[in-house]
Structures are given as structure tokens and as C-alpha cells.
Amino acid sequence: MLSIKNLDVKYGAVLALKSVSLTVEQGEIVTLIGANGAGKSTTLMAISGLVRPSAGRIRLLDHDLSVIPPHAIVRLGVSHVPEGRRIFANLTVSENLDLGAYVRSDRAMIKQDRERVLALFPQLTARLGQPAATLSGGEQQMLAMGRALMARPRLMLLDEPSLGLAPFLVKQIFHTIREINQEGTTILLVEQNAHMALAIAHRGYVLETGRVVLSGQAEDLAKNEDVKRAYLGE
């Protein structure tokens, strides 16, 4: 579904990504793990068109994403749940969900997808009329994911979904990520909690200072001594 080859991204004179190559097959959960500053979020922003590569190629099926504006990338079936959630705080929960479907005009399916989102995140049902700023951190993460699902993505980019959440909420969010995947959405996951990420992912890539230094099946990475020492606290 997604193919990245020899991707470079610069912030001024700083090379944030250096010849990054990776693939995501349809139906997979693929995780990117690494320390802060390794280039994980930059990879997601390059896919969604928020930063432009200085070299390399990003392809979604037959489309070259490196030359397509972000709103058109959403139309192609890519939704991005950014680090920090980035919900519209002054709008209601319901309005945030509506904005997730801004590229769509199929009203009957939009209504169906809203019902699906509220089934995945039932806590939001009683909050629909509230300003999004009044939600807890966990509820804001649910809203950010629900808003992304309203675009009916083929590929969802998830950036640090567990950030700042209590452990019981982290388990709930990861259970829902797996459920979303089982319902047919392919997922590329960036996550500091490498234990949880590798537990639900099919494959993974390890980034260090903008480069892919290791890749493989998630269960193999979880057993790798270097990964255990650097990212799993073992």
C-alpha cells in the first residue's frame, strides 16, 4: 500500500531523515520506534504532505505523495492523528467529527461512520455537545482518532497515541487501534511505548538519528537484545 524509498527531509540545514526506506502492506499495523528526535514524526508528516522531502519518493499505491498537497492526500485515503491530538478546542465534539469528513459528500455513509466512531469510543456519545477543550486527555485522544476515522481512511498515521495517558487508558487506546485495524484500516504507528507498539504490530522499523537501523517482524524486534536494551528497558 505504502512505499517509501531513500527519503530525505531537511529542516533548514539539518537533515532530519536520511535515505529512509520502508513499506506498509495493506491490512498491516507497522510501528516506528526510536528515541525522541529520531525522525519518526517527520516520517509521518512527509507522508501526509505537511513537510516536503528533499530527495526520495513516497508512493501510496499508484500515487506519488511527494507532489500532492495535504488535502488531496486525505482524499486518497490517508488520515493523520498528530502528536498532541490537535483537536479544535473551541468547537464541540460533534463539530470536530464533522470536520473529519470535510472531503466527503456521501451523507448516508458519513452518518454510518459517525455511528461506528461512537461505537468504538462510547465515552464521546455523552460529550457531543461539549467544547472539545473540556474533554480529558484520554477523551481528546479518542476524539482525534475518531475525527481521523471520519475521513474513511485506507491508511491511518498515528503519532504517539499514548502520550500523557494513564496506563488503563493506554490499554484501552491500543485495544481500539487493534480493533480499527481488524475492521480493515491499515495503520502506521509511531509510539514511545515500544512494549505496547510491538505487542500489536505486525512489523516494525527502528529509527536512529534519521536512519532506519533495524527492521523486521514485531515479535522478532521485541526479542532483539539491542532493542530490549535501548527501548524496552530490559
C-alpha atoms as a PDB file:
ATOM      1  CA  MET A   1       0.000   0.000   0.000  1.00  0.00           C
ATOM      2  CA  LEU A   2       2.718   2.478   1.023  1.00  0.00           C
ATOM      3  CA  SER A   3       6.275   2.547  -0.251  1.00  0.00           C
ATOM      4  CA  ILE A   4       8.962   4.999   0.851  1.00  0.00           C
ATOM      5  CA  LYS A   5      12.337   4.900  -0.887  1.00  0.00           C
ATOM      6  CA  ASN A   6      15.507   6.797   0.009  1.00  0.00           C
ATOM      7  CA  LEU A   7      13.619   9.618   1.703  1.00  0.00           C
ATOM      8  CA  ASP A   8      15.499  12.725   2.839  1.00  0.00           C
ATOM      9  CA  VAL A   9      13.819  15.570   4.735  1.00  0.00           C
ATOM     10  CA  LYS A  10      15.605  18.771   5.742  1.00  0.00           C
ATOM     11  CA  TYR A  11      14.714  21.440   8.293  1.00  0.00           C
ATOM     12  CA  GLY A  12      16.915  24.254   7.053  1.00  0.00           C
ATOM     13  CA  ALA A  13      20.447  22.883   7.078  1.00  0.00           C
ATOM     14  CA  VAL A  14      19.521  19.960   9.347  1.00  0.00           C
ATOM     15  CA  LEU A  15      18.939  16.603   7.641  1.00  0.00           C
ATOM     16  CA  ALA A  16      16.139  15.061   9.710  1.00  0.00           C
ATOM     17  CA  LEU A  17      15.650  11.941   7.559  1.00  0.00           C
ATOM     18  CA  LYS A  18      18.495  10.246   5.709  1.00  0.00           C
ATOM     19  CA  SER A  19      17.671   7.726   2.961  1.00  0.00           C
ATOM     20  CA  VAL A  20      14.718   6.239   4.861  1.00  0.00           C
ATOM     21  CA  SER A  21      13.050   3.317   3.101  1.00  0.00           C
ATOM     22  CA  LEU A  22      10.065   1.354   4.370  1.00  0.00           C
ATOM     23  CA  THR A  23       6.891  -0.357   3.210  1.00  0.00           C
ATOM     24  CA  VAL A  24       3.437  -0.891   4.653  1.00  0.00           C
ATOM     25  CA  GLU A  25       1.270  -3.660   3.227  1.00  0.00           C
ATOM     26  CA  GLN A  26      -2.495  -3.452   3.129  1.00  0.00           C
ATOM     27  CA  GLY A  27      -4.035  -4.666   6.399  1.00  0.00           C
ATOM     28  CA  GLU A  28      -0.871  -4.343   8.492  1.00  0.00           C
ATOM     29  CA  ILE A  29      -0.008  -2.467  11.634  1.00  0.00           C
ATOM     30  CA  VAL A  30       3.568  -1.253  11.186  1.00  0.00           C
ATOM     31  CA  THR A  31       5.295   0.625  14.001  1.00  0.00           C
ATOM     32  CA  LEU A  32       8.201   3.057  14.006  1.00  0.00           C
ATOM     33  CA  ILE A  33      10.168   3.087  17.239  1.00  0.00           C
ATOM     34  CA  GLY A  34      13.122   5.167  18.307  1.00  0.00           C
ATOM     35  CA  ALA A  35      14.253   7.901  20.655  1.00  0.00           C
ATOM     36  CA  ASN A  36      12.978  11.471  20.574  1.00  0.00           C
ATOM     37  CA  GLY A  37      14.442  13.236  17.558  1.00  0.00           C
ATOM     38  CA  ALA A  38      14.955  10.020  15.596  1.00  0.00           C
ATOM     39  CA  GLY A  39      12.704  11.202  12.743  1.00  0.00           C
ATOM     40  CA  LYS A  40       9.528   9.239  13.462  1.00  0.00           C
ATOM     41  CA  SER A  41       7.094  12.167  13.434  1.00  0.00           C
ATOM     42  CA  THR A  42       8.873  13.709  10.451  1.00  0.00           C
ATOM     43  CA  THR A  43       8.273  10.482   8.519  1.00  0.00           C
ATOM     44  CA  LEU A  44       4.535  10.714   9.179  1.00  0.00           C
ATOM     45  CA  MET A  45       4.432  14.414   8.276  1.00  0.00           C
ATOM     46  CA  ALA A  46       6.212  13.690   4.998  1.00  0.00           C
ATOM     47  CA  ILE A  47       3.639  11.015   4.126  1.00  0.00           C
ATOM     48  CA  SER A  48       0.736  13.380   4.819  1.00  0.00           C
ATOM     49  CA  GLY A  49       2.339  16.258   2.914  1.00  0.00           C
ATOM     50  CA  LEU A  50       2.984  18.528   5.915  1.00  0.00           C
ATOM     51  CA  VAL A  51       6.701  18.569   5.147  1.00  0.00           C
ATOM     52  CA  ARG A  52       8.248  18.063   1.731  1.00  0.00           C
ATOM     53  CA  PRO A  53      11.127  15.696   1.040  1.00  0.00           C
ATOM     54  CA  SER A  54      14.366  16.993  -0.407  1.00  0.00           C
ATOM     55  CA  ALA A  55      15.013  13.609  -2.012  1.00  0.00           C
ATOM     56  CA  GLY A  56      13.357  10.219  -2.380  1.00  0.00           C
ATOM     57  CA  ARG A  57       9.844   9.039  -3.144  1.00  0.00           C
ATOM     58  CA  ILE A  58       6.641   8.312  -1.231  1.00  0.00           C
ATOM     59  CA  ARG A  59       4.034   6.229  -3.048  1.00  0.00           C
ATOM     60  CA  LEU A  60       0.535   5.254  -1.961  1.00  0.00           C
ATOM     61  CA  LEU A  61      -0.482   2.550  -4.415  1.00  0.00           C
ATOM     62  CA  ASP A  62      -0.055   4.365  -7.791  1.00  0.00           C
ATOM     63  CA  HIS A  63       0.149   7.906  -6.386  1.00  0.00           C
ATOM     64  CA  ASP A  64       3.316   9.912  -5.748  1.00  0.00           C
ATOM     65  CA  LEU A  65       2.502  11.660  -2.469  1.00  0.00           C
ATOM     66  CA  SER A  66       5.588  13.859  -2.559  1.00  0.00           C
ATOM     67  CA  VAL A  67       3.951  16.135  -5.190  1.00  0.00           C
ATOM     68  CA  ILE A  68       0.372  16.129  -3.831  1.00  0.00           C
ATOM     69  CA  PRO A  69      -0.984  18.748  -1.348  1.00  0.00           C
ATOM     70  CA  PRO A  70      -2.138  17.538   2.079  1.00  0.00           C
ATOM     71  CA  HIS A  71      -5.886  17.894   1.454  1.00  0.00           C
ATOM     72  CA  ALA A  72      -5.569  15.777  -1.700  1.00  0.00           C
ATOM     73  CA  ILE A  73      -3.634  13.129   0.256  1.00  0.00           C
ATOM     74  CA  VAL A  74      -6.603  12.918   2.645  1.00  0.00           C
ATOM     75  CA  ARG A  75      -8.867  12.378  -0.374  1.00  0.00           C
ATOM     76  CA  LEU A  76      -6.647   9.468  -1.424  1.00  0.00           C
ATOM     77  CA  GLY A  77      -7.360   7.761   1.902  1.00  0.00           C
ATOM     78  CA  VAL A  78      -4.653   8.873   4.339  1.00  0.00           C
ATOM     79  CA  SER A  79      -5.622  10.242   7.779  1.00  0.00           C
ATOM     80  CA  HIS A  80      -3.074  11.633  10.237  1.00  0.00           C
ATOM     81  CA  VAL A  81      -3.624  11.691  14.005  1.00  0.00           C
ATOM     82  CA  PRO A  82      -0.836  14.068  15.071  1.00  0.00           C
ATOM     83  CA  GLU A  83       1.188  14.080  18.244  1.00  0.00           C
ATOM     84  CA  GLY A  84      -0.617  16.187  20.818  1.00  0.00           C
ATOM     85  CA  ARG A  85      -4.042  15.414  19.239  1.00  0.00           C
ATOM     86  CA  ARG A  86      -4.528  18.888  17.688  1.00  0.00           C
ATOM     87  CA  ILE A  87      -8.270  18.869  18.205  1.00  0.00           C
ATOM     88  CA  PHE A  88     -10.244  22.063  17.577  1.00  0.00           C
ATOM     89  CA  ALA A  89     -10.612  23.059  21.227  1.00  0.00           C
ATOM     90  CA  ASN A  90     -13.299  25.729  20.802  1.00  0.00           C
ATOM     91  CA  LEU A  91     -15.531  23.542  18.638  1.00  0.00           C
ATOM     92  CA  THR A  92     -17.809  20.862  20.022  1.00  0.00           C
ATOM     93  CA  VAL A  93     -17.013  17.169  19.881  1.00  0.00           C
ATOM     94  CA  SER A  94     -19.691  16.803  17.196  1.00  0.00           C
ATOM     95  CA  GLU A  95     -18.198  19.613  15.103  1.00  0.00           C
ATOM     96  CA  ASN A  96     -14.731  18.068  15.351  1.00  0.00           C
ATOM     97  CA  LEU A  97     -16.126  14.802  13.991  1.00  0.00           C
ATOM     98  CA  ASP A  98     -17.902  16.668  11.184  1.00  0.00           C
ATOM     99  CA  LEU A  99     -14.625  18.314  10.169  1.00  0.00           C
ATOM    100  CA  GLY A 100     -13.036  14.880   9.876  1.00  0.00           C
ATOM    101  CA  ALA A 101     -15.430  14.209   6.988  1.00  0.00           C
ATOM    102  CA  TYR A 102     -14.812  17.534   5.212  1.00  0.00           C
ATOM    103  CA  VAL A 103     -13.608  15.872   1.988  1.00  0.00           C
ATOM    104  CA  ARG A 104     -16.737  13.710   1.735  1.00  0.00           C
ATOM    105  CA  SER A 105     -20.248  14.304   0.404  1.00  0.00           C
ATOM    106  CA  ASP A 106     -21.807  10.833   0.910  1.00  0.00           C
ATOM    107  CA  ARG A 107     -24.143  11.825   3.746  1.00  0.00           C
ATOM    108  CA  ALA A 108     -25.572   8.376   4.418  1.00  0.00           C
ATOM    109  CA  MET A 109     -22.096   6.847   4.775  1.00  0.00           C
ATOM    110  CA  ILE A 110     -20.903   9.782   6.885  1.00  0.00           C
ATOM    111  CA  LYS A 111     -23.773   9.115   9.289  1.00  0.00           C
ATOM    112  CA  GLN A 112     -22.861   5.426   9.338  1.00  0.00           C
ATOM    113  CA  ASP A 113     -19.214   6.226  10.051  1.00  0.00           C
ATOM    114  CA  ARG A 114     -20.180   8.584  12.879  1.00  0.00           C
ATOM    115  CA  GLU A 115     -22.148   5.725  14.456  1.00  0.00           C
ATOM    116  CA  ARG A 116     -19.094   3.482  14.032  1.00  0.00           C
ATOM    117  CA  VAL A 117     -16.847   6.055  15.738  1.00  0.00           C
ATOM    118  CA  LEU A 118     -19.249   6.398  18.664  1.00  0.00           C
ATOM    119  CA  ALA A 119     -19.409   2.610  18.966  1.00  0.00           C
ATOM    120  CA  LEU A 120     -15.596   2.493  19.146  1.00  0.00           C
ATOM    121  CA  PHE A 121     -15.472   5.414  21.605  1.00  0.00           C
ATOM    122  CA  PRO A 122     -18.751   5.335  23.557  1.00  0.00           C
ATOM    123  CA  GLN A 123     -17.377   7.890  26.046  1.00  0.00           C
ATOM    124  CA  LEU A 124     -17.805  10.546  23.342  1.00  0.00           C
ATOM    125  CA  THR A 125     -21.549   9.982  22.950  1.00  0.00           C
ATOM    126  CA  ALA A 126     -22.481  11.972  26.060  1.00  0.00           C
ATOM    127  CA  ARG A 127     -19.954  14.684  25.146  1.00  0.00           C
ATOM    128  CA  LEU A 128     -21.095  15.517  21.607  1.00  0.00           C
ATOM    129  CA  GLY A 129     -22.361  18.976  22.509  1.00  0.00           C
ATOM    130  CA  GLN A 130     -19.420  19.919  24.726  1.00  0.00           C
ATOM    131  CA  PRO A 131     -16.450  22.032  23.634  1.00  0.00           C
ATOM    132  CA  ALA A 132     -13.598  19.669  22.882  1.00  0.00           C
ATOM    133  CA  ALA A 133     -11.381  21.601  25.313  1.00  0.00           C
ATOM    134  CA  THR A 134     -13.465  20.247  28.220  1.00  0.00           C
ATOM    135  CA  LEU A 135     -12.550  16.617  27.465  1.00  0.00           C
ATOM    136  CA  SER A 136      -9.977  14.675  29.452  1.00  0.00           C
ATOM    137  CA  GLY A 137      -6.687  13.758  27.786  1.00  0.00           C
ATOM    138  CA  GLY A 138      -7.917  10.258  27.024  1.00  0.00           C
ATOM    139  CA  GLU A 139     -11.176  11.547  25.565  1.00  0.00           C
ATOM    140  CA  GLN A 140      -9.268  14.049  23.423  1.00  0.00           C
ATOM    141  CA  GLN A 141      -7.173  11.197  22.022  1.00  0.00           C
ATOM    142  CA  MET A 142     -10.354   9.264  21.260  1.00  0.00           C
ATOM    143  CA  LEU A 143     -11.767  12.342  19.516  1.00  0.00           C
ATOM    144  CA  ALA A 144      -8.608  12.819  17.454  1.00  0.00           C
ATOM    145  CA  MET A 145      -8.749   9.192  16.319  1.00  0.00           C
ATOM    146  CA  GLY A 146     -12.490   9.397  15.710  1.00  0.00           C
ATOM    147  CA  ARG A 147     -12.062  12.567  13.646  1.00  0.00           C
ATOM    148  CA  ALA A 148      -9.444  10.790  11.504  1.00  0.00           C
ATOM    149  CA  LEU A 149     -11.761   7.813  11.002  1.00  0.00           C
ATOM    150  CA  MET A 150     -14.490  10.136   9.701  1.00  0.00           C
ATOM    151  CA  ALA A 151     -12.418  10.553   6.541  1.00  0.00           C
ATOM    152  CA  ARG A 152     -12.807   6.790   5.999  1.00  0.00           C
ATOM    153  CA  PRO A 153      -9.044   6.245   5.615  1.00  0.00           C
ATOM    154  CA  ARG A 154      -7.361   3.308   3.990  1.00  0.00           C
ATOM    155  CA  LEU A 155      -4.184   4.237   5.874  1.00  0.00           C
ATOM    156  CA  MET A 156      -4.143   5.856   9.321  1.00  0.00           C
ATOM    157  CA  LEU A 157      -0.988   7.545  10.612  1.00  0.00           C
ATOM    158  CA  LEU A 158      -0.940   7.533  14.414  1.00  0.00           C
ATOM    159  CA  ASP A 159       1.645   9.685  16.199  1.00  0.00           C
ATOM    160  CA  GLU A 160       2.169   8.945  19.915  1.00  0.00           C
ATOM    161  CA  PRO A 161      -1.428   7.962  20.783  1.00  0.00           C
ATOM    162  CA  SER A 162      -0.486   7.011  24.368  1.00  0.00           C
ATOM    163  CA  LEU A 163       1.326  10.260  25.173  1.00  0.00           C
ATOM    164  CA  GLY A 164       0.361  11.584  28.606  1.00  0.00           C
ATOM    165  CA  LEU A 165      -2.330   8.973  29.259  1.00  0.00           C
ATOM    166  CA  ALA A 166      -2.866   6.852  32.378  1.00  0.00           C
ATOM    167  CA  PRO A 167      -1.905   3.166  31.970  1.00  0.00           C
ATOM    168  CA  PHE A 168      -5.507   1.892  31.904  1.00  0.00           C
ATOM    169  CA  LEU A 169      -6.329   4.385  29.119  1.00  0.00           C
ATOM    170  CA  VAL A 170      -3.235   3.328  27.169  1.00  0.00           C
ATOM    171  CA  LYS A 171      -4.518  -0.270  27.188  1.00  0.00           C
ATOM    172  CA  GLN A 172      -7.930   0.913  26.030  1.00  0.00           C
ATOM    173  CA  ILE A 173      -6.485   3.015  23.194  1.00  0.00           C
ATOM    174  CA  PHE A 174      -4.258   0.175  21.974  1.00  0.00           C
ATOM    175  CA  HIS A 175      -7.166  -2.261  22.100  1.00  0.00           C
ATOM    176  CA  THR A 176      -9.111   0.149  19.889  1.00  0.00           C
ATOM    177  CA  ILE A 177      -6.180   0.546  17.476  1.00  0.00           C
ATOM    178  CA  ARG A 178      -6.150  -3.209  17.009  1.00  0.00           C
ATOM    179  CA  GLU A 179      -9.935  -3.202  16.515  1.00  0.00           C
ATOM    180  CA  ILE A 180      -9.697  -0.436  13.881  1.00  0.00           C
ATOM    181  CA  ASN A 181      -7.074  -2.492  12.063  1.00  0.00           C
ATOM    182  CA  GLN A 182      -9.162  -5.657  12.222  1.00  0.00           C
ATOM    183  CA  GLU A 183     -12.036  -3.734  10.632  1.00  0.00           C
ATOM    184  CA  GLY A 184      -9.830  -3.042   7.609  1.00  0.00           C
ATOM    185  CA  THR A 185      -7.773   0.111   8.204  1.00  0.00           C
ATOM    186  CA  THR A 186      -4.027  -0.163   7.649  1.00  0.00           C
ATOM    187  CA  ILE A 187      -2.010   1.608  10.370  1.00  0.00           C
ATOM    188  CA  LEU A 188       1.439   3.175  10.584  1.00  0.00           C
ATOM    189  CA  LEU A 189       2.095   3.776  14.279  1.00  0.00           C
ATOM    190  CA  VAL A 190       4.696   5.989  15.936  1.00  0.00           C
ATOM    191  CA  GLU A 191       4.880   5.228  19.645  1.00  0.00           C
ATOM    192  CA  GLN A 192       7.327   5.802  22.515  1.00  0.00           C
ATOM    193  CA  ASN A 193       5.797   2.868  24.391  1.00  0.00           C
ATOM    194  CA  ALA A 194       7.697   0.264  22.403  1.00  0.00           C
ATOM    195  CA  HIS A 195       6.316  -2.614  24.510  1.00  0.00           C
ATOM    196  CA  MET A 196       2.728  -1.800  23.541  1.00  0.00           C
ATOM    197  CA  ALA A 197       3.555  -0.927  19.954  1.00  0.00           C
ATOM    198  CA  LEU A 198       5.408  -4.178  19.261  1.00  0.00           C
ATOM    199  CA  ALA A 199       2.674  -6.157  21.031  1.00  0.00           C
ATOM    200  CA  ILE A 200       0.026  -5.106  18.480  1.00  0.00           C
ATOM    201  CA  ALA A 201       2.149  -4.516  15.356  1.00  0.00           C
ATOM    202  CA  HIS A 202       2.877  -6.988  12.589  1.00  0.00           C
ATOM    203  CA  ARG A 203       6.221  -5.420  11.651  1.00  0.00           C
ATOM    204  CA  GLY A 204       8.439  -2.616  12.864  1.00  0.00           C
ATOM    205  CA  TYR A 205      11.277  -0.281  11.946  1.00  0.00           C
ATOM    206  CA  VAL A 206      13.801   1.208  14.357  1.00  0.00           C
ATOM    207  CA  LEU A 207      14.952   4.761  13.583  1.00  0.00           C
ATOM    208  CA  GLU A 208      18.091   6.365  14.980  1.00  0.00           C
ATOM    209  CA  THR A 209      19.110   9.927  14.065  1.00  0.00           C
ATOM    210  CA  GLY A 210      17.027   9.907  10.893  1.00  0.00           C
ATOM    211  CA  ARG A 211      18.030   6.481   9.599  1.00  0.00           C
ATOM    212  CA  VAL A 212      16.426   3.042   9.631  1.00  0.00           C
ATOM    213  CA  VAL A 213      18.884   0.879  11.550  1.00  0.00           C
ATOM    214  CA  LEU A 214      16.763  -2.239  12.048  1.00  0.00           C
ATOM    215  CA  SER A 215      13.537  -3.740  10.731  1.00  0.00           C
ATOM    216  CA  GLY A 216      11.652  -6.999  10.993  1.00  0.00           C
ATOM    217  CA  GLN A 217       8.679  -8.829  12.388  1.00  0.00           C
ATOM    218  CA  ALA A 218       7.415  -7.177  15.573  1.00  0.00           C
ATOM    219  CA  GLU A 219       7.893 -10.312  17.677  1.00  0.00           C
ATOM    220  CA  ASP A 220      11.494 -10.604  16.482  1.00  0.00           C
ATOM    221  CA  LEU A 221      12.246  -6.964  17.286  1.00  0.00           C
ATOM    222  CA  ALA A 222      10.760  -7.444  20.759  1.00  0.00           C
ATOM    223  CA  LYS A 223      13.300 -10.236  21.346  1.00  0.00           C
ATOM    224  CA  ASN A 224      16.268  -8.363  19.862  1.00  0.00           C
ATOM    225  CA  GLU A 225      18.834  -7.624  22.565  1.00  0.00           C
ATOM    226  CA  ASP A 226      19.690  -4.153  21.221  1.00  0.00           C
ATOM    227  CA  VAL A 227      16.012  -3.194  21.036  1.00  0.00           C
ATOM    228  CA  LYS A 228      15.340  -4.571  24.510  1.00  0.00           C
ATOM    229  CA  ARG A 229      18.241  -2.628  25.961  1.00  0.00           C
ATOM    230  CA  ALA A 230      17.533   0.673  24.165  1.00  0.00           C
ATOM    231  CA  TYR A 231      13.736   0.837  24.032  1.00  0.00           C
ATOM    232  CA  LEU A 232      12.190  -1.809  26.287  1.00  0.00           C
ATOM    233  CA  GLY A 233      14.139  -1.071  29.452  1.00  0.00           C
ATOM    234  CA  GLU A 234      15.465  -4.626  29.716  1.00  0.00           C
END
